[in-house]
PDB file of N, CA and C in Angstrom:
ATOM      1  N   MET A   1      87.408 135.231  86.759  1.00  0.00           N
ATOM      2  CA  MET A   1      88.449 134.431  86.148  1.00  0.00           C
ATOM      3  C   MET A   1      87.907 133.891  84.832  1.00  0.00           C
ATOM      4  N   SER A   2      88.718 133.920  83.802  1.00  0.00           N
ATOM      5  CA  SER A   2      88.263 133.421  82.509  1.00  0.00           C
ATOM      6  C   SER A   2      88.139 131.907  82.538  1.00  0.00           C
ATOM      7  N   ASP A   3      87.327 131.393  81.612  1.00  0.00           N
ATOM      8  CA  ASP A   3      87.159 129.938  81.547  1.00  0.00           C
ATOM      9  C   ASP A   3      88.480 129.241  81.258  1.00  0.00           C
ATOM     10  N   LEU A   4      89.328 129.838  80.402  1.00  0.00           N
ATOM     11  CA  LEU A   4      90.614 129.237  80.070  1.00  0.00           C
ATOM     12  C   LEU A   4      91.517 129.169  81.292  1.00  0.00           C
ATOM     13  N   ALA A   5      91.594 130.260  82.052  1.00  0.00           N
ATOM     14  CA  ALA A   5      92.427 130.272  83.262  1.00  0.00           C
ATOM     15  C   ALA A   5      91.898 129.285  84.286  1.00  0.00           C
ATOM     16  N   SER A   6      90.587 129.226  84.448  1.00  0.00           N
ATOM     17  CA  SER A   6      89.981 128.310  85.412  1.00  0.00           C
ATOM     18  C   SER A   6      90.226 126.855  85.014  1.00  0.00           C
ATOM     19  N   SER A   7      90.099 126.554  83.715  1.00  0.00           N
ATOM     20  CA  SER A   7      90.243 125.170  83.275  1.00  0.00           C
ATOM     21  C   SER A   7      91.675 124.673  83.407  1.00  0.00           C
ATOM     22  N   SER A   8      92.666 125.575  83.331  1.00  0.00           N
ATOM     23  CA  SER A   8      94.047 125.131  83.485  1.00  0.00           C
ATOM     24  C   SER A   8      94.463 125.083  84.957  1.00  0.00           C
ATOM     25  N   ARG A   9      93.739 125.788  85.815  1.00  0.00           N
ATOM     26  CA  ARG A   9      94.113 125.855  87.220  1.00  0.00           C
ATOM     27  C   ARG A   9      93.472 124.747  88.052  1.00  0.00           C
ATOM     28  N   PHE A  10      92.221 124.400  87.753  1.00  0.00           N
ATOM     29  CA  PHE A  10      91.517 123.394  88.534  1.00  0.00           C
ATOM     30  C   PHE A  10      91.059 122.225  87.667  1.00  0.00           C
ATOM     31  N   PHE A  11      90.761 121.123  88.317  1.00  0.00           N
ATOM     32  CA  PHE A  11      90.249 119.944  87.631  1.00  0.00           C
ATOM     33  C   PHE A  11      88.755 120.088  87.379  1.00  0.00           C
ATOM     34  N   THR A  12      88.275 119.489  86.300  1.00  0.00           N
ATOM     35  CA  THR A  12      86.837 119.381  86.104  1.00  0.00           C
ATOM     36  C   THR A  12      86.336 118.289  87.042  1.00  0.00           C
ATOM     37  N   HIS A  13      85.029 118.185  87.193  1.00  0.00           N
ATOM     38  CA  HIS A  13      84.448 117.130  88.030  1.00  0.00           C
ATOM     39  C   HIS A  13      84.897 115.753  87.555  1.00  0.00           C
ATOM     40  N   ASP A  14      84.817 115.514  86.247  1.00  0.00           N
ATOM     41  CA  ASP A  14      85.199 114.201  85.710  1.00  0.00           C
ATOM     42  C   ASP A  14      86.686 113.917  85.898  1.00  0.00           C
ATOM     43  N   GLU A  15      87.529 114.929  85.693  1.00  0.00           N
ATOM     44  CA  GLU A  15      88.972 114.742  85.895  1.00  0.00           C
ATOM     45  C   GLU A  15      89.270 114.414  87.353  1.00  0.00           C
ATOM     46  N   ALA A  16      88.640 115.142  88.266  1.00  0.00           N
ATOM     47  CA  ALA A  16      88.867 114.906  89.695  1.00  0.00           C
ATOM     48  C   ALA A  16      88.427 113.498  90.091  1.00  0.00           C
ATOM     49  N   GLN A  17      87.264 113.073  89.632  1.00  0.00           N
ATOM     50  CA  GLN A  17      86.771 111.731  89.945  1.00  0.00           C
ATOM     51  C   GLN A  17      87.716 110.663  89.401  1.00  0.00           C
ATOM     52  N   ALA A  18      88.271 110.894  88.211  1.00  0.00           N
ATOM     53  CA  ALA A  18      89.186 109.920  87.599  1.00  0.00           C
ATOM     54  C   ALA A  18      90.500 109.804  88.367  1.00  0.00           C
ATOM     55  N   LYS A  19      90.890 110.847  89.091  1.00  0.00           N
ATOM     56  CA  LYS A  19      92.157 110.830  89.845  1.00  0.00           C
ATOM     57  C   LYS A  19      92.025 110.170  91.216  1.00  0.00           C
ATOM     58  N   LEU A  20      90.819 110.092  91.767  1.00  0.00           N
ATOM     59  CA  LEU A  20      90.643 109.511  93.100  1.00  0.00           C
ATOM     60  C   LEU A  20      91.187 108.092  93.157  1.00  0.00           C
ATOM     61  N   GLY A  21      91.990 107.831  94.181  1.00  0.00           N
ATOM     62  CA  GLY A  21      92.581 106.511  94.367  1.00  0.00           C
ATOM     63  C   GLY A  21      93.942 106.348  93.710  1.00  0.00           C
ATOM     64  N   ARG A  22      94.337 107.284  92.868  1.00  0.00           N
ATOM     65  CA  ARG A  22      95.633 107.188  92.193  1.00  0.00           C
ATOM     66  C   ARG A  22      96.775 107.358  93.179  1.00  0.00           C
ATOM     67  N   ILE A  23      97.872 106.660  92.914  1.00  0.00           N
ATOM     68  CA  ILE A  23      99.092 106.788  93.693  1.00  0.00           C
ATOM     69  C   ILE A  23      99.991 107.776  92.966  1.00  0.00           C
ATOM     70  N   VAL A  24     100.518 108.750  93.713  1.00  0.00           N
ATOM     71  CA  VAL A  24     101.402 109.764  93.141  1.00  0.00           C
ATOM     72  C   VAL A  24     102.694 109.827  93.954  1.00  0.00           C
ATOM     73  N   ARG A  25     103.706 110.421  93.348  1.00  0.00           N
ATOM     74  CA  ARG A  25     104.985 110.680  94.025  1.00  0.00           C
ATOM     75  C   ARG A  25     105.403 112.110  93.717  1.00  0.00           C
ATOM     76  N   THR A  26     106.183 112.679  94.614  1.00  0.00           N
ATOM     77  CA  THR A  26     106.649 114.048  94.419  1.00  0.00           C
ATOM     78  C   THR A  26     107.859 114.076  93.498  1.00  0.00           C
ATOM     79  N   ARG A  27     107.881 115.057  92.596  1.00  0.00           N
ATOM     80  CA  ARG A  27     109.038 115.280  91.717  1.00  0.00           C
ATOM     81  C   ARG A  27     110.130 116.072  92.430  1.00  0.00           C
ATOM     82  N   VAL A  28     109.712 116.956  93.332  1.00  0.00           N
ATOM     83  CA  VAL A  28     110.635 117.853  94.029  1.00  0.00           C
ATOM     84  C   VAL A  28     110.322 117.826  95.523  1.00  0.00           C
ATOM     85  N   PRO A  29     111.306 118.170  96.367  1.00  0.00           N
ATOM     86  CA  PRO A  29     111.018 118.222  97.803  1.00  0.00           C
ATOM     87  C   PRO A  29     110.160 119.429  98.132  1.00  0.00           C
ATOM     88  N   GLY A  30     109.277 119.266  99.114  1.00  0.00           N
ATOM     89  CA  GLY A  30     108.461 120.364  99.613  1.00  0.00           C
ATOM     90  C   GLY A  30     108.934 120.762 100.995  1.00  0.00           C
ATOM     91  N   ARG A  31     108.200 121.667 101.639  1.00  0.00           N
ATOM     92  CA  ARG A  31     108.632 122.131 102.960  1.00  0.00           C
ATOM     93  C   ARG A  31     108.567 121.027 104.010  1.00  0.00           C
ATOM     94  N   ARG A  32     107.674 120.051 103.828  1.00  0.00           N
ATOM     95  CA  ARG A  32     107.597 118.949 104.806  1.00  0.00           C
ATOM     96  C   ARG A  32     107.497 117.584 104.146  1.00  0.00           C
ATOM     97  N   ILE A  33     107.504 117.554 102.825  1.00  0.00           N
ATOM     98  CA  ILE A  33     107.370 116.302 102.083  1.00  0.00           C
ATOM     99  C   ILE A  33     108.636 116.081 101.257  1.00  0.00           C
ATOM    100  N   PRO A  34     109.436 115.046 101.557  1.00  0.00           N
ATOM    101  CA  PRO A  34     110.661 114.791 100.796  1.00  0.00           C
ATOM    102  C   PRO A  34     110.365 114.370  99.351  1.00  0.00           C
ATOM    103  N   GLN A  35     111.320 114.644  98.466  1.00  0.00           N
ATOM    104  CA  GLN A  35     111.199 114.230  97.075  1.00  0.00           C
ATOM    105  C   GLN A  35     111.022 112.712  97.002  1.00  0.00           C
ATOM    106  N   GLY A  36     110.118 112.272  96.124  1.00  0.00           N
ATOM    107  CA  GLY A  36     109.872 110.844  95.942  1.00  0.00           C
ATOM    108  C   GLY A  36     108.850 110.252  96.895  1.00  0.00           C
ATOM    109  N   THR A  37     108.313 111.063  97.806  1.00  0.00           N
ATOM    110  CA  THR A  37     107.339 110.566  98.771  1.00  0.00           C
ATOM    111  C   THR A  37     106.078 110.104  98.049  1.00  0.00           C
ATOM    112  N   GLU A  38     105.550 108.971  98.486  1.00  0.00           N
ATOM    113  CA  GLU A  38     104.320 108.422  97.905  1.00  0.00           C
ATOM    114  C   GLU A  38     103.101 108.990  98.621  1.00  0.00           C
ATOM    115  N   GLY A  39     102.072 109.241  97.833  1.00  0.00           N
ATOM    116  CA  GLY A  39     100.800 109.697  98.378  1.00  0.00           C
ATOM    117  C   GLY A  39      99.661 109.103  97.577  1.00  0.00           C
ATOM    118  N   ARG A  40      98.463 109.283  98.080  1.00  0.00           N
ATOM    119  CA  ARG A  40      97.265 108.761  97.424  1.00  0.00           C
ATOM    120  C   ARG A  40      96.268 109.905  97.276  1.00  0.00           C
ATOM    121  N   VAL A  41      95.700 110.042  96.083  1.00  0.00           N
ATOM    122  CA  VAL A  41      94.666 111.049  95.871  1.00  0.00           C
ATOM    123  C   VAL A  41      93.417 110.539  96.574  1.00  0.00           C
ATOM    124  N   GLY A  42      93.096 111.155  97.701  1.00  0.00           N
ATOM    125  CA  GLY A  42      92.007 110.654  98.519  1.00  0.00           C
ATOM    126  C   GLY A  42      90.767 111.525  98.551  1.00  0.00           C
ATOM    127  N   TYR A  43      90.895 112.772  98.089  1.00  0.00           N
ATOM    128  CA  TYR A  43      89.790 113.708  98.237  1.00  0.00           C
ATOM    129  C   TYR A  43      89.709 114.645  97.035  1.00  0.00           C
ATOM    130  N   ALA A  44      88.509 115.098  96.748  1.00  0.00           N
ATOM    131  CA  ALA A  44      88.284 116.155  95.766  1.00  0.00           C
ATOM    132  C   ALA A  44      87.371 117.178  96.420  1.00  0.00           C
ATOM    133  N   ARG A  45      87.736 118.460  96.281  1.00  0.00           N
ATOM    134  CA  ARG A  45      86.982 119.532  96.939  1.00  0.00           C
ATOM    135  C   ARG A  45      86.678 120.625  95.915  1.00  0.00           C
ATOM    136  N   ARG A  46      85.437 121.061  95.913  1.00  0.00           N
ATOM    137  CA  ARG A  46      85.027 122.144  95.013  1.00  0.00           C
ATOM    138  C   ARG A  46      85.854 123.389  95.312  1.00  0.00           C
ATOM    139  N   GLN A  47      86.394 123.992  94.278  1.00  0.00           N
ATOM    140  CA  GLN A  47      87.234 125.181  94.419  1.00  0.00           C
ATOM    141  C   GLN A  47      86.891 126.120  93.261  1.00  0.00           C
ATOM    142  N   GLY A  48      86.067 127.122  93.513  1.00  0.00           N
ATOM    143  CA  GLY A  48      85.660 128.031  92.438  1.00  0.00           C
ATOM    144  C   GLY A  48      84.859 127.281  91.379  1.00  0.00           C
ATOM    145  N   ASP A  49      85.340 127.339  90.149  1.00  0.00           N
ATOM    146  CA  ASP A  49      84.661 126.670  89.033  1.00  0.00           C
ATOM    147  C   ASP A  49      85.140 125.252  88.792  1.00  0.00           C
ATOM    148  N   GLY A  50      86.018 124.741  89.655  1.00  0.00           N
ATOM    149  CA  GLY A  50      86.562 123.403  89.443  1.00  0.00           C
ATOM    150  C   GLY A  50      86.794 122.687  90.758  1.00  0.00           C
ATOM    151  N   TYR A  51      87.773 121.786  90.750  1.00  0.00           N
ATOM    152  CA  TYR A  51      88.074 120.957  91.920  1.00  0.00           C
ATOM    153  C   TYR A  51      89.568 120.928  92.196  1.00  0.00           C
ATOM    154  N   ALA A  52      89.915 120.944  93.491  1.00  0.00           N
ATOM    155  CA  ALA A  52      91.280 120.700  93.950  1.00  0.00           C
ATOM    156  C   ALA A  52      91.308 119.277  94.493  1.00  0.00           C
ATOM    157  N   LEU A  53      92.478 118.669  94.506  1.00  0.00           N
ATOM    158  CA  LEU A  53      92.621 117.298  94.987  1.00  0.00           C
ATOM    159  C   LEU A  53      93.396 117.277  96.292  1.00  0.00           C
ATOM    160  N   GLY A  54      92.972 116.411  97.218  1.00  0.00           N
ATOM    161  CA  GLY A  54      93.667 116.217  98.487  1.00  0.00           C
ATOM    162  C   GLY A  54      94.554 114.992  98.392  1.00  0.00           C
ATOM    163  N   ILE A  55      95.859 115.200  98.580  1.00  0.00           N
ATOM    164  CA  ILE A  55      96.836 114.107  98.538  1.00  0.00           C
ATOM    165  C   ILE A  55      97.169 113.725  99.974  1.00  0.00           C
ATOM    166  N   GLN A  56      96.913 112.474 100.333  1.00  0.00           N
ATOM    167  CA  GLN A  56      97.275 111.963 101.661  1.00  0.00           C
ATOM    168  C   GLN A  56      98.622 111.274 101.528  1.00  0.00           C
ATOM    169  N   TRP A  57      99.637 111.840 102.207  1.00  0.00           N
ATOM    170  CA  TRP A  57     101.006 111.352 102.085  1.00  0.00           C
ATOM    171  C   TRP A  57     101.268 110.172 102.993  1.00  0.00           C
ATOM    172  N   ARG A  58     102.099 109.279 102.537  1.00  0.00           N
ATOM    173  CA  ARG A  58     102.530 108.117 103.339  1.00  0.00           C
ATOM    174  C   ARG A  58     103.877 108.442 103.952  1.00  0.00           C
ATOM    175  N   LEU A  59     103.819 109.036 105.132  1.00  0.00           N
ATOM    176  CA  LEU A  59     105.026 109.427 105.848  1.00  0.00           C
ATOM    177  C   LEU A  59     105.222 108.515 107.040  1.00  0.00           C
ATOM    178  N   THR A  60     106.497 108.182 107.335  1.00  0.00           N
ATOM    179  CA  THR A  60     106.829 107.354 108.489  1.00  0.00           C
ATOM    180  C   THR A  60     107.844 108.110 109.322  1.00  0.00           C
ATOM    181  N   PRO A  61     107.557 108.362 110.567  1.00  0.00           N
ATOM    182  CA  PRO A  61     106.290 108.116 111.234  1.00  0.00           C
ATOM    183  C   PRO A  61     105.242 109.136 110.787  1.00  0.00           C
ATOM    184  N   VAL A  62     103.993 108.814 111.067  1.00  0.00           N
ATOM    185  CA  VAL A  62     102.904 109.742 110.773  1.00  0.00           C
ATOM    186  C   VAL A  62     103.134 110.991 111.617  1.00  0.00           C
ATOM    187  N   PRO A  63     103.023 112.189 111.018  1.00  0.00           N
ATOM    188  CA  PRO A  63     103.340 113.421 111.751  1.00  0.00           C
ATOM    189  C   PRO A  63     102.455 113.654 112.983  1.00  0.00           C
ATOM    190  N   LEU A  64     103.060 114.273 113.988  1.00  0.00           N
ATOM    191  CA  LEU A  64     102.336 114.702 115.187  1.00  0.00           C
ATOM    192  C   LEU A  64     101.750 116.080 114.930  1.00  0.00           C
ATOM    193  N   VAL A  65     100.507 116.275 115.344  1.00  0.00           N
ATOM    194  CA  VAL A  65      99.874 117.593 115.233  1.00  0.00           C
ATOM    195  C   VAL A  65      99.232 117.941 116.566  1.00  0.00           C
ATOM    196  N   PHE A  66      99.123 119.250 116.823  1.00  0.00           N
ATOM    197  CA  PHE A  66      98.437 119.698 118.027  1.00  0.00           C
ATOM    198  C   PHE A  66      96.939 119.509 117.850  1.00  0.00           C
ATOM    199  N   THR A  67      96.268 119.153 118.946  1.00  0.00           N
ATOM    200  CA  THR A  67      94.824 118.992 118.922  1.00  0.00           C
ATOM    201  C   THR A  67      94.230 119.628 120.173  1.00  0.00           C
ATOM    202  N   ILE A  68      93.046 120.160 120.049  1.00  0.00           N
ATOM    203  CA  ILE A  68      92.341 120.783 121.175  1.00  0.00           C
ATOM    204  C   ILE A  68      91.620 119.686 121.963  1.00  0.00           C
ATOM    205  N   LEU A  69      91.804 119.698 123.280  1.00  0.00           N
ATOM    206  CA  LEU A  69      91.159 118.725 124.162  1.00  0.00           C
ATOM    207  C   LEU A  69      89.999 119.401 124.893  1.00  0.00           C
ATOM    208  N   PRO A  70      88.970 118.641 125.269  1.00  0.00           N
ATOM    209  CA  PRO A  70      87.796 119.238 125.923  1.00  0.00           C
ATOM    210  C   PRO A  70      88.032 119.691 127.366  1.00  0.00           C
ATOM    211  N   ARG A  71      89.111 119.250 127.994  1.00  0.00           N
ATOM    212  CA  ARG A  71      89.388 119.655 129.383  1.00  0.00           C
ATOM    213  C   ARG A  71      90.897 119.824 129.563  1.00  0.00           C
ATOM    214  N   PRO A  72      91.337 120.397 130.677  1.00  0.00           N
ATOM    215  CA  PRO A  72      92.769 120.666 130.867  1.00  0.00           C
ATOM    216  C   PRO A  72      93.598 119.419 130.589  1.00  0.00           C
ATOM    217  N   PRO A  73      94.692 119.565 129.920  1.00  0.00           N
ATOM    218  CA  PRO A  73      95.433 120.785 129.589  1.00  0.00           C
ATOM    219  C   PRO A  73      94.962 121.483 128.304  1.00  0.00           C
ATOM    220  N   PHE A  74      93.884 121.072 127.699  1.00  0.00           N
ATOM    221  CA  PHE A  74      93.260 121.693 126.535  1.00  0.00           C
ATOM    222  C   PHE A  74      94.052 121.569 125.232  1.00  0.00           C
ATOM    223  N   LEU A  75      95.290 121.150 125.316  1.00  0.00           N
ATOM    224  CA  LEU A  75      96.094 120.995 124.114  1.00  0.00           C
ATOM    225  C   LEU A  75      96.831 119.673 124.197  1.00  0.00           C
ATOM    226  N   GLY A  76      96.796 118.907 123.134  1.00  0.00           N
ATOM    227  CA  GLY A  76      97.460 117.619 123.113  1.00  0.00           C
ATOM    228  C   GLY A  76      98.113 117.380 121.769  1.00  0.00           C
ATOM    229  N   LEU A  77      98.723 116.239 121.646  1.00  0.00           N
ATOM    230  CA  LEU A  77      99.349 115.829 120.385  1.00  0.00           C
ATOM    231  C   LEU A  77      98.707 114.535 119.923  1.00  0.00           C
ATOM    232  N   ARG A  78      98.541 114.405 118.610  1.00  0.00           N
ATOM    233  CA  ARG A  78      98.061 113.145 118.054  1.00  0.00           C
ATOM    234  C   ARG A  78      98.704 112.957 116.697  1.00  0.00           C
ATOM    235  N   ARG A  79      98.748 111.736 116.256  1.00  0.00           N
ATOM    236  CA  ARG A  79      99.300 111.433 114.934  1.00  0.00           C
ATOM    237  C   ARG A  79      98.159 111.475 113.920  1.00  0.00           C
ATOM    238  N   THR A  80      98.372 112.221 112.868  1.00  0.00           N
ATOM    239  CA  THR A  80      97.355 112.331 111.831  1.00  0.00           C
ATOM    240  C   THR A  80      98.047 112.368 110.470  1.00  0.00           C
ATOM    241  N   PRO A  81      97.467 111.719 109.482  1.00  0.00           N
ATOM    242  CA  PRO A  81      98.098 111.727 108.155  1.00  0.00           C
ATOM    243  C   PRO A  81      98.201 113.150 107.604  1.00  0.00           C
ATOM    244  N   ALA A  82      99.284 113.420 106.892  1.00  0.00           N
ATOM    245  CA  ALA A  82      99.473 114.722 106.252  1.00  0.00           C
ATOM    246  C   ALA A  82      98.688 114.735 104.942  1.00  0.00           C
ATOM    247  N   VAL A  83      97.891 115.778 104.739  1.00  0.00           N
ATOM    248  CA  VAL A  83      97.121 115.953 103.507  1.00  0.00           C
ATOM    249  C   VAL A  83      97.442 117.332 102.949  1.00  0.00           C
ATOM    250  N   ASP A  84      97.795 117.378 101.679  1.00  0.00           N
ATOM    251  CA  ASP A  84      98.012 118.643 100.974  1.00  0.00           C
ATOM    252  C   ASP A  84      96.993 118.754  99.857  1.00  0.00           C
ATOM    253  N   TRP A  85      96.467 119.963  99.661  1.00  0.00           N
ATOM    254  CA  TRP A  85      95.504 120.229  98.600  1.00  0.00           C
ATOM    255  C   TRP A  85      96.236 120.868  97.431  1.00  0.00           C
ATOM    256  N   VAL A  86      96.020 120.327  96.231  1.00  0.00           N
ATOM    257  CA  VAL A  86      96.698 120.828  95.038  1.00  0.00           C
ATOM    258  C   VAL A  86      95.691 121.112  93.931  1.00  0.00           C
ATOM    259  N   CYS A  87      96.009 122.136  93.149  1.00  0.00           N
ATOM    260  CA  CYS A  87      95.203 122.410  91.961  1.00  0.00           C
ATOM    261  C   CYS A  87      95.854 121.683  90.772  1.00  0.00           C
ATOM    262  N   LYS A  88      95.251 121.794  89.625  1.00  0.00           N
ATOM    263  CA  LYS A  88      95.683 121.025  88.455  1.00  0.00           C
ATOM    264  C   LYS A  88      97.121 121.355  88.041  1.00  0.00           C
ATOM    265  N   ASP A  89      97.475 122.638  87.995  1.00  0.00           N
ATOM    266  CA  ASP A  89      98.828 122.975  87.558  1.00  0.00           C
ATOM    267  C   ASP A  89      99.884 122.495  88.556  1.00  0.00           C
ATOM    268  N   GLN A  90      99.586 122.505  89.861  1.00  0.00           N
ATOM    269  CA  GLN A  90     100.515 121.965  90.857  1.00  0.00           C
ATOM    270  C   GLN A  90     100.644 120.452  90.706  1.00  0.00           C
ATOM    271  N   TYR A  91      99.537 119.784  90.485  1.00  0.00           N
ATOM    272  CA  TYR A  91      99.532 118.327  90.307  1.00  0.00           C
ATOM    273  C   TYR A  91     100.443 117.955  89.138  1.00  0.00           C
ATOM    274  N   GLU A  92     100.271 118.651  88.024  1.00  0.00           N
ATOM    275  CA  GLU A  92     101.038 118.326  86.822  1.00  0.00           C
ATOM    276  C   GLU A  92     102.509 118.719  86.952  1.00  0.00           C
ATOM    277  N   ARG A  93     102.805 119.788  87.670  1.00  0.00           N
ATOM    278  CA  ARG A  93     104.179 120.276  87.791  1.00  0.00           C
ATOM    279  C   ARG A  93     104.987 119.528  88.844  1.00  0.00           C
ATOM    280  N   TYR A  94     104.369 119.213  89.990  1.00  0.00           N
ATOM    281  CA  TYR A  94     105.129 118.694  91.128  1.00  0.00           C
ATOM    282  C   TYR A  94     104.935 117.216  91.440  1.00  0.00           C
ATOM    283  N   LEU A  95     103.967 116.564  90.793  1.00  0.00           N
ATOM    284  CA  LEU A  95     103.684 115.152  91.084  1.00  0.00           C
ATOM    285  C   LEU A  95     103.734 114.325  89.804  1.00  0.00           C
ATOM    286  N   PHE A  96     103.969 113.031  89.970  1.00  0.00           N
ATOM    287  CA  PHE A  96     103.781 112.115  88.849  1.00  0.00           C
ATOM    288  C   PHE A  96     103.038 110.903  89.365  1.00  0.00           C
ATOM    289  N   GLU A  97     102.239 110.303  88.492  1.00  0.00           N
ATOM    290  CA  GLU A  97     101.452 109.135  88.881  1.00  0.00           C
ATOM    291  C   GLU A  97     102.330 107.903  88.841  1.00  0.00           C
ATOM    292  N   ASP A  98     102.264 107.127  89.910  1.00  0.00           N
ATOM    293  CA  ASP A  98     103.016 105.882  90.018  1.00  0.00           C
ATOM    294  C   ASP A  98     102.139 104.770  89.480  1.00  0.00           C
ATOM    295  N   LEU A  99     102.360 104.405  88.239  1.00  0.00           N
ATOM    296  CA  LEU A  99     101.514 103.405  87.590  1.00  0.00           C
ATOM    297  C   LEU A  99     101.773 101.996  88.101  1.00  0.00           C
ATOM    298  N   THR A 100     102.818 101.832  88.928  1.00  0.00           N
ATOM    299  CA  THR A 100     103.076 100.521  89.521  1.00  0.00           C
ATOM    300  C   THR A 100     102.430 100.390  90.892  1.00  0.00           C
ATOM    301  N   GLY A 101     101.808 101.485  91.374  1.00  0.00           N
ATOM    302  CA  GLY A 101     101.176 101.487  92.700  1.00  0.00           C
ATOM    303  C   GLY A 101     100.054 100.473  92.791  1.00  0.00           C
ATOM    304  N   LYS A 102      99.801  99.999  94.002  1.00  0.00           N
ATOM    305  CA  LYS A 102      98.801  98.959  94.225  1.00  0.00           C
ATOM    306  C   LYS A 102      97.400  99.507  94.445  1.00  0.00           C
ATOM    307  N   ASP A 103      97.253 100.822  94.687  1.00  0.00           N
ATOM    308  CA  ASP A 103      95.948 101.379  95.043  1.00  0.00           C
ATOM    309  C   ASP A 103      95.196 101.960  93.852  1.00  0.00           C
ATOM    310  N   GLN A 104      95.349 101.432  92.685  1.00  0.00           N
ATOM    311  CA  GLN A 104      94.686 101.971  91.503  1.00  0.00           C
ATOM    312  C   GLN A 104      93.226 101.523  91.446  1.00  0.00           C
ATOM    313  N   CYS A 105      92.563 101.560  92.581  1.00  0.00           N
ATOM    314  CA  CYS A 105      91.196 101.038  92.674  1.00  0.00           C
ATOM    315  C   CYS A 105      90.146 102.094  92.398  1.00  0.00           C
ATOM    316  N   HIS A 106      90.528 103.378  92.364  1.00  0.00           N
ATOM    317  CA  HIS A 106      89.596 104.485  92.109  1.00  0.00           C
ATOM    318  C   HIS A 106      88.436 104.514  93.085  1.00  0.00           C
ATOM    319  N   ASP A 107      88.722 104.399  94.389  1.00  0.00           N
ATOM    320  CA  ASP A 107      87.672 104.582  95.399  1.00  0.00           C
ATOM    321  C   ASP A 107      87.128 105.978  95.253  1.00  0.00           C
ATOM    322  N   HIS A 108      85.848 106.151  95.406  1.00  0.00           N
ATOM    323  CA  HIS A 108      85.254 107.487  95.392  1.00  0.00           C
ATOM    324  C   HIS A 108      84.967 107.877  96.824  1.00  0.00           C
ATOM    325  N   ILE A 109      85.844 108.711  97.365  1.00  0.00           N
ATOM    326  CA  ILE A 109      85.786 109.096  98.777  1.00  0.00           C
ATOM    327  C   ILE A 109      84.927 110.334  98.914  1.00  0.00           C
TER     328      ILE A 109
END
């Protein structure tokens, strides 16, 4: 992948660090996230030559997911926050930063 394509697709280390803790909202509805849903940039993960960001959504109620149990019935349900991973072009196209959000603390997770 060329440097130009990589730089437009993923965040640099500094860009990813600067986004941590930011509050974002969706511009458009997704398959499981309604338009306008609030989320928090909680994670940055190395992806090729750059970084993708993990958005933890604030959904009510928190979604149920299947989980593996150590003994019968071996399958259960638990509530876990929804997290979506986005690259830079998805972040810029589908999300906007909520500058009125209260979590602008820039925690480094």
